[in-house]
Every structure is written in structure tokens, then in C-alpha cells.
Amino acid sequence: MSLFQDAKEHFIASHQHPINQALHHTTNILAITAIVMLFSNWKISVFCLVLSQIFAWGGHAVFEKNKPAFFKYPGITILASFAWSFENWFGLRQILAKS
């Protein structure tokens, strides 16, 4: 198995609570917004990044009661998080599970 697959599986296992999952999907939307806003208003970009981390860490502290997957797989966890969200947003997880 690849490092990315390992990181993604660890990410999914670390995000089982539905509220934490919703917070992390929101976090990914905020991160995308931060990237887009970087080109027009850097203050909103910074605000979105800070808020995204409050949501992500808060979800782990309050609902999961575990450490964020980032501590085990720094860096690649960001890609795993986006892959996880896109699979859920666009139904790819259900399609991939059937094949």
C-alpha cells in the first residue's frame, strides 16, 4: 500500500463522528476559499485559514477525542483530507465501493 493510501485510511479512521466529519468538510471549503481569496483579499484568506483550523482541531478535541491525523502523516494528510471530501461530495466513495 502507498503512503497516500495509508494516510487516507488513517484520516478516515480518525474522523468517525458525523459532526467532526461535517466540520472537516467545512474546513476544506474554507481552505479552498482561502486559496481563492488570497488573490483578492489576503485578510479574508487568513481569516478562513484560522477558522478552518479552529473547526478541525475543535472537532478532534470535542467530538473525536483524538489527535488530528496530521500528527502521524504531516503534509500528505492535507491531500488525504481533500480526497476524502471530494469523494463524499461527489459520491465517488459509493461508486468506488461498487467496483
N, C-alpha and C. Protein backbone atom coordinates (compact mmCIF):
# COMPACT_ATOMS: atom_id res chain seq x y z
N MET A 1 0.84 -1.18 0.00
CA MET A 1 0.00 0.00 0.00
C MET A 1 0.89 1.25 0.00
N SER A 2 0.40 2.29 -0.63
CA SER A 2 1.18 3.51 -0.75
C SER A 2 1.06 4.37 0.51
N LEU A 3 1.98 5.30 0.65
CA LEU A 3 1.95 6.24 1.77
C LEU A 3 0.66 7.04 1.75
N PHE A 4 0.23 7.44 0.55
CA PHE A 4 -1.02 8.20 0.44
C PHE A 4 -2.20 7.36 0.91
N GLN A 5 -2.28 6.09 0.51
CA GLN A 5 -3.37 5.22 0.94
C GLN A 5 -3.34 5.04 2.46
N ASP A 6 -2.14 4.84 3.01
CA ASP A 6 -2.01 4.72 4.47
C ASP A 6 -2.51 5.96 5.17
N ALA A 7 -2.11 7.13 4.67
CA ALA A 7 -2.53 8.40 5.27
C ALA A 7 -4.03 8.57 5.16
N LYS A 8 -4.58 8.22 4.00
CA LYS A 8 -6.02 8.37 3.79
C LYS A 8 -6.82 7.44 4.70
N GLU A 9 -6.38 6.21 4.84
CA GLU A 9 -7.06 5.26 5.73
C GLU A 9 -6.99 5.73 7.18
N HIS A 10 -5.82 6.25 7.59
CA HIS A 10 -5.69 6.78 8.94
C HIS A 10 -6.59 8.00 9.12
N PHE A 11 -6.66 8.84 8.11
CA PHE A 11 -7.52 10.02 8.17
C PHE A 11 -8.98 9.60 8.36
N ILE A 12 -9.45 8.66 7.56
CA ILE A 12 -10.84 8.20 7.66
C ILE A 12 -11.11 7.59 9.02
N ALA A 13 -10.18 6.79 9.54
CA ALA A 13 -10.36 6.18 10.85
C ALA A 13 -10.38 7.21 11.97
N SER A 14 -9.72 8.33 11.76
CA SER A 14 -9.66 9.39 12.78
C SER A 14 -10.85 10.34 12.72
N HIS A 15 -11.74 10.13 11.77
CA HIS A 15 -12.87 11.04 11.57
C HIS A 15 -14.18 10.25 11.44
N GLN A 16 -14.60 9.65 12.53
CA GLN A 16 -15.79 8.81 12.52
C GLN A 16 -17.05 9.53 12.99
N HIS A 17 -16.90 10.53 13.82
CA HIS A 17 -18.07 11.24 14.36
C HIS A 17 -18.67 12.13 13.27
N PRO A 18 -20.00 12.05 13.04
CA PRO A 18 -20.62 12.83 11.96
C PRO A 18 -20.41 14.35 12.07
N ILE A 19 -20.42 14.88 13.29
CA ILE A 19 -20.20 16.32 13.44
C ILE A 19 -18.77 16.68 13.10
N ASN A 20 -17.83 15.85 13.50
CA ASN A 20 -16.43 16.10 13.14
C ASN A 20 -16.25 16.01 11.63
N GLN A 21 -16.92 15.07 11.00
CA GLN A 21 -16.84 14.96 9.54
C GLN A 21 -17.36 16.24 8.88
N ALA A 22 -18.50 16.74 9.38
CA ALA A 22 -19.06 17.98 8.83
C ALA A 22 -18.11 19.15 9.04
N LEU A 23 -17.50 19.21 10.21
CA LEU A 23 -16.54 20.27 10.48
C LEU A 23 -15.35 20.20 9.53
N HIS A 24 -14.89 18.99 9.23
CA HIS A 24 -13.75 18.84 8.34
C HIS A 24 -14.12 19.14 6.88
N HIS A 25 -15.34 18.82 6.48
CA HIS A 25 -15.76 19.23 5.14
C HIS A 25 -15.81 20.76 5.07
N THR A 26 -16.30 21.38 6.13
CA THR A 26 -16.33 22.85 6.20
C THR A 26 -14.91 23.40 6.17
N THR A 27 -14.00 22.74 6.86
CA THR A 27 -12.60 23.13 6.88
C THR A 27 -12.03 23.13 5.46
N ASN A 28 -12.35 22.10 4.69
CA ASN A 28 -11.83 22.02 3.33
C ASN A 28 -12.43 23.11 2.44
N ILE A 29 -13.70 23.42 2.64
CA ILE A 29 -14.31 24.52 1.89
C ILE A 29 -13.63 25.84 2.26
N LEU A 30 -13.36 26.04 3.55
CA LEU A 30 -12.67 27.25 3.98
C LEU A 30 -11.26 27.33 3.40
N ALA A 31 -10.58 26.20 3.31
CA ALA A 31 -9.22 26.19 2.74
C ALA A 31 -9.26 26.57 1.26
N ILE A 32 -10.23 26.04 0.54
CA ILE A 32 -10.38 26.40 -0.87
C ILE A 32 -10.69 27.89 -1.00
N THR A 33 -11.58 28.37 -0.14
CA THR A 33 -11.92 29.80 -0.14
C THR A 33 -10.68 30.64 0.15
N ALA A 34 -9.86 30.19 1.10
CA ALA A 34 -8.64 30.92 1.44
C ALA A 34 -7.70 31.03 0.25
N ILE A 35 -7.59 29.95 -0.51
CA ILE A 35 -6.71 29.97 -1.69
C ILE A 35 -7.24 30.96 -2.72
N VAL A 36 -8.55 30.92 -2.96
CA VAL A 36 -9.16 31.82 -3.94
C VAL A 36 -9.03 33.27 -3.49
N MET A 37 -9.32 33.52 -2.22
CA MET A 37 -9.31 34.90 -1.70
C MET A 37 -7.89 35.46 -1.58
N LEU A 38 -6.90 34.61 -1.58
CA LEU A 38 -5.52 35.08 -1.49
C LEU A 38 -5.20 36.07 -2.61
N PHE A 39 -5.86 35.92 -3.74
CA PHE A 39 -5.59 36.77 -4.89
C PHE A 39 -6.38 38.09 -4.87
N SER A 40 -7.38 38.18 -3.97
CA SER A 40 -8.15 39.41 -3.95
C SER A 40 -8.17 40.09 -2.59
N ASN A 41 -8.18 39.31 -1.50
CA ASN A 41 -8.23 39.91 -0.17
C ASN A 41 -7.52 38.97 0.81
N TRP A 42 -6.28 39.25 1.09
CA TRP A 42 -5.48 38.35 1.92
C TRP A 42 -6.01 38.27 3.35
N LYS A 43 -6.69 39.30 3.81
CA LYS A 43 -7.22 39.27 5.18
C LYS A 43 -8.31 38.21 5.31
N ILE A 44 -9.17 38.12 4.33
CA ILE A 44 -10.20 37.08 4.35
C ILE A 44 -9.54 35.71 4.23
N SER A 45 -8.49 35.62 3.45
CA SER A 45 -7.75 34.37 3.30
C SER A 45 -7.20 33.88 4.64
N VAL A 46 -6.56 34.78 5.36
CA VAL A 46 -6.01 34.43 6.69
C VAL A 46 -7.13 34.06 7.65
N PHE A 47 -8.21 34.82 7.63
CA PHE A 47 -9.36 34.53 8.49
C PHE A 47 -9.90 33.12 8.21
N CYS A 48 -10.05 32.77 6.94
CA CYS A 48 -10.55 31.44 6.58
C CYS A 48 -9.61 30.34 7.05
N LEU A 49 -8.31 30.56 6.92
CA LEU A 49 -7.35 29.55 7.37
C LEU A 49 -7.39 29.37 8.89
N VAL A 50 -7.48 30.46 9.62
CA VAL A 50 -7.56 30.37 11.08
C VAL A 50 -8.85 29.68 11.51
N LEU A 51 -9.95 30.08 10.92
CA LEU A 51 -11.24 29.48 11.25
C LEU A 51 -11.26 27.98 10.90
N SER A 52 -10.64 27.63 9.79
CA SER A 52 -10.59 26.21 9.40
C SER A 52 -9.85 25.37 10.45
N GLN A 53 -8.79 25.92 10.99
CA GLN A 53 -8.04 25.17 12.00
C GLN A 53 -8.80 25.08 13.33
N ILE A 54 -9.53 26.12 13.66
CA ILE A 54 -10.36 26.07 14.87
C ILE A 54 -11.41 24.97 14.72
N PHE A 55 -12.05 24.89 13.55
CA PHE A 55 -13.04 23.84 13.31
C PHE A 55 -12.40 22.45 13.36
N ALA A 56 -11.27 22.30 12.68
CA ALA A 56 -10.63 20.98 12.60
C ALA A 56 -10.16 20.51 13.97
N TRP A 57 -9.42 21.34 14.68
CA TRP A 57 -8.91 20.94 15.99
C TRP A 57 -10.03 20.81 17.00
N GLY A 58 -11.03 21.69 16.89
CA GLY A 58 -12.18 21.61 17.79
C GLY A 58 -12.94 20.31 17.60
N GLY A 59 -13.09 19.87 16.37
CA GLY A 59 -13.76 18.60 16.10
C GLY A 59 -13.06 17.43 16.74
N HIS A 60 -11.75 17.45 16.71
CA HIS A 60 -11.00 16.37 17.35
C HIS A 60 -11.07 16.46 18.87
N ALA A 61 -10.96 17.65 19.39
CA ALA A 61 -10.96 17.83 20.84
C ALA A 61 -12.32 17.52 21.45
N VAL A 62 -13.39 17.97 20.81
CA VAL A 62 -14.72 17.85 21.39
C VAL A 62 -15.42 16.54 21.02
N PHE A 63 -15.36 16.15 19.74
CA PHE A 63 -16.16 15.03 19.29
C PHE A 63 -15.39 13.72 19.15
N GLU A 64 -14.22 13.75 18.58
CA GLU A 64 -13.44 12.52 18.38
C GLU A 64 -12.61 12.14 19.60
N LYS A 65 -12.14 13.16 20.30
CA LYS A 65 -11.24 12.96 21.45
C LYS A 65 -9.98 12.18 21.03
N ASN A 66 -9.41 12.61 19.90
CA ASN A 66 -8.17 12.02 19.42
C ASN A 66 -7.30 13.10 18.80
N LYS A 67 -6.09 12.72 18.45
CA LYS A 67 -5.18 13.66 17.79
C LYS A 67 -5.53 13.73 16.31
N PRO A 68 -5.40 14.90 15.71
CA PRO A 68 -5.60 15.00 14.26
C PRO A 68 -4.63 14.10 13.51
N ALA A 69 -5.08 13.58 12.38
CA ALA A 69 -4.25 12.68 11.56
C ALA A 69 -2.97 13.38 11.10
N PHE A 70 -2.97 14.70 11.10
CA PHE A 70 -1.81 15.47 10.67
C PHE A 70 -0.56 15.13 11.48
N PHE A 71 -0.74 14.76 12.75
CA PHE A 71 0.42 14.45 13.59
C PHE A 71 1.13 13.17 13.15
N LYS A 72 0.38 12.22 12.60
CA LYS A 72 1.00 10.98 12.15
C LYS A 72 1.53 11.10 10.72
N TYR A 73 0.79 11.81 9.88
CA TYR A 73 1.15 11.98 8.47
C TYR A 73 1.15 13.46 8.10
N PRO A 74 2.13 14.23 8.56
CA PRO A 74 2.12 15.67 8.24
C PRO A 74 2.24 15.89 6.73
N GLY A 75 1.58 16.91 6.27
CA GLY A 75 1.66 17.26 4.86
C GLY A 75 0.72 16.47 3.98
N ILE A 76 0.94 15.18 3.89
CA ILE A 76 0.13 14.35 3.00
C ILE A 76 -1.31 14.24 3.50
N THR A 77 -1.52 14.52 4.78
CA THR A 77 -2.87 14.49 5.34
C THR A 77 -3.76 15.53 4.68
N ILE A 78 -3.19 16.64 4.28
CA ILE A 78 -3.97 17.67 3.60
C ILE A 78 -4.53 17.12 2.30
N LEU A 79 -3.71 16.41 1.54
CA LEU A 79 -4.19 15.79 0.30
C LEU A 79 -5.22 14.71 0.59
N ALA A 80 -4.98 13.92 1.62
CA ALA A 80 -5.94 12.87 2.00
C ALA A 80 -7.27 13.48 2.40
N SER A 81 -7.23 14.60 3.11
CA SER A 81 -8.44 15.28 3.53
C SER A 81 -9.25 15.77 2.33
N PHE A 82 -8.58 16.39 1.36
CA PHE A 82 -9.28 16.86 0.17
C PHE A 82 -9.84 15.68 -0.63
N ALA A 83 -9.06 14.61 -0.76
CA ALA A 83 -9.55 13.43 -1.49
C ALA A 83 -10.79 12.87 -0.82
N TRP A 84 -10.76 12.78 0.51
CA TRP A 84 -11.89 12.27 1.29
C TRP A 84 -13.12 13.15 1.07
N SER A 85 -12.95 14.46 1.14
CA SER A 85 -14.09 15.36 0.94
C SER A 85 -14.64 15.26 -0.48
N PHE A 86 -13.78 15.26 -1.48
CA PHE A 86 -14.26 15.19 -2.85
C PHE A 86 -14.98 13.88 -3.12
N GLU A 87 -14.48 12.79 -2.56
CA GLU A 87 -15.17 11.50 -2.72
C GLU A 87 -16.57 11.56 -2.11
N ASN A 88 -16.70 12.20 -0.97
CA ASN A 88 -18.00 12.31 -0.32
C ASN A 88 -18.90 13.32 -1.02
N TRP A 89 -18.37 14.46 -1.42
CA TRP A 89 -19.18 15.49 -2.06
C TRP A 89 -19.77 15.02 -3.37
N PHE A 90 -19.00 14.29 -4.15
CA PHE A 90 -19.42 13.92 -5.49
C PHE A 90 -19.83 12.46 -5.61
N GLY A 91 -19.98 11.76 -4.48
CA GLY A 91 -20.43 10.38 -4.49
C GLY A 91 -19.42 9.38 -5.00
N LEU A 92 -18.16 9.77 -5.11
CA LEU A 92 -17.15 8.87 -5.63
C LEU A 92 -16.90 7.67 -4.71
N ARG A 93 -17.09 7.86 -3.42
CA ARG A 93 -16.87 6.76 -2.49
C ARG A 93 -17.83 5.61 -2.79
N GLN A 94 -19.10 5.94 -3.06
CA GLN A 94 -20.09 4.90 -3.37
C GLN A 94 -19.78 4.21 -4.70
N ILE A 95 -19.33 4.99 -5.66
CA ILE A 95 -19.00 4.44 -6.97
C ILE A 95 -17.79 3.52 -6.85
N LEU A 96 -16.77 3.95 -6.14
CA LEU A 96 -15.55 3.15 -5.99
C LEU A 96 -15.82 1.88 -5.18
N ALA A 97 -16.72 1.94 -4.22
CA ALA A 97 -17.03 0.79 -3.38
C ALA A 97 -17.73 -0.31 -4.18
N LYS A 98 -18.49 0.08 -5.19
CA LYS A 98 -19.23 -0.89 -6.00
C LYS A 98 -18.35 -1.59 -7.02
N SER A 99 -17.22 -0.98 -7.38
CA SER A 99 -16.37 -1.59 -8.40
C SER A 99 -15.34 -2.54 -7.85
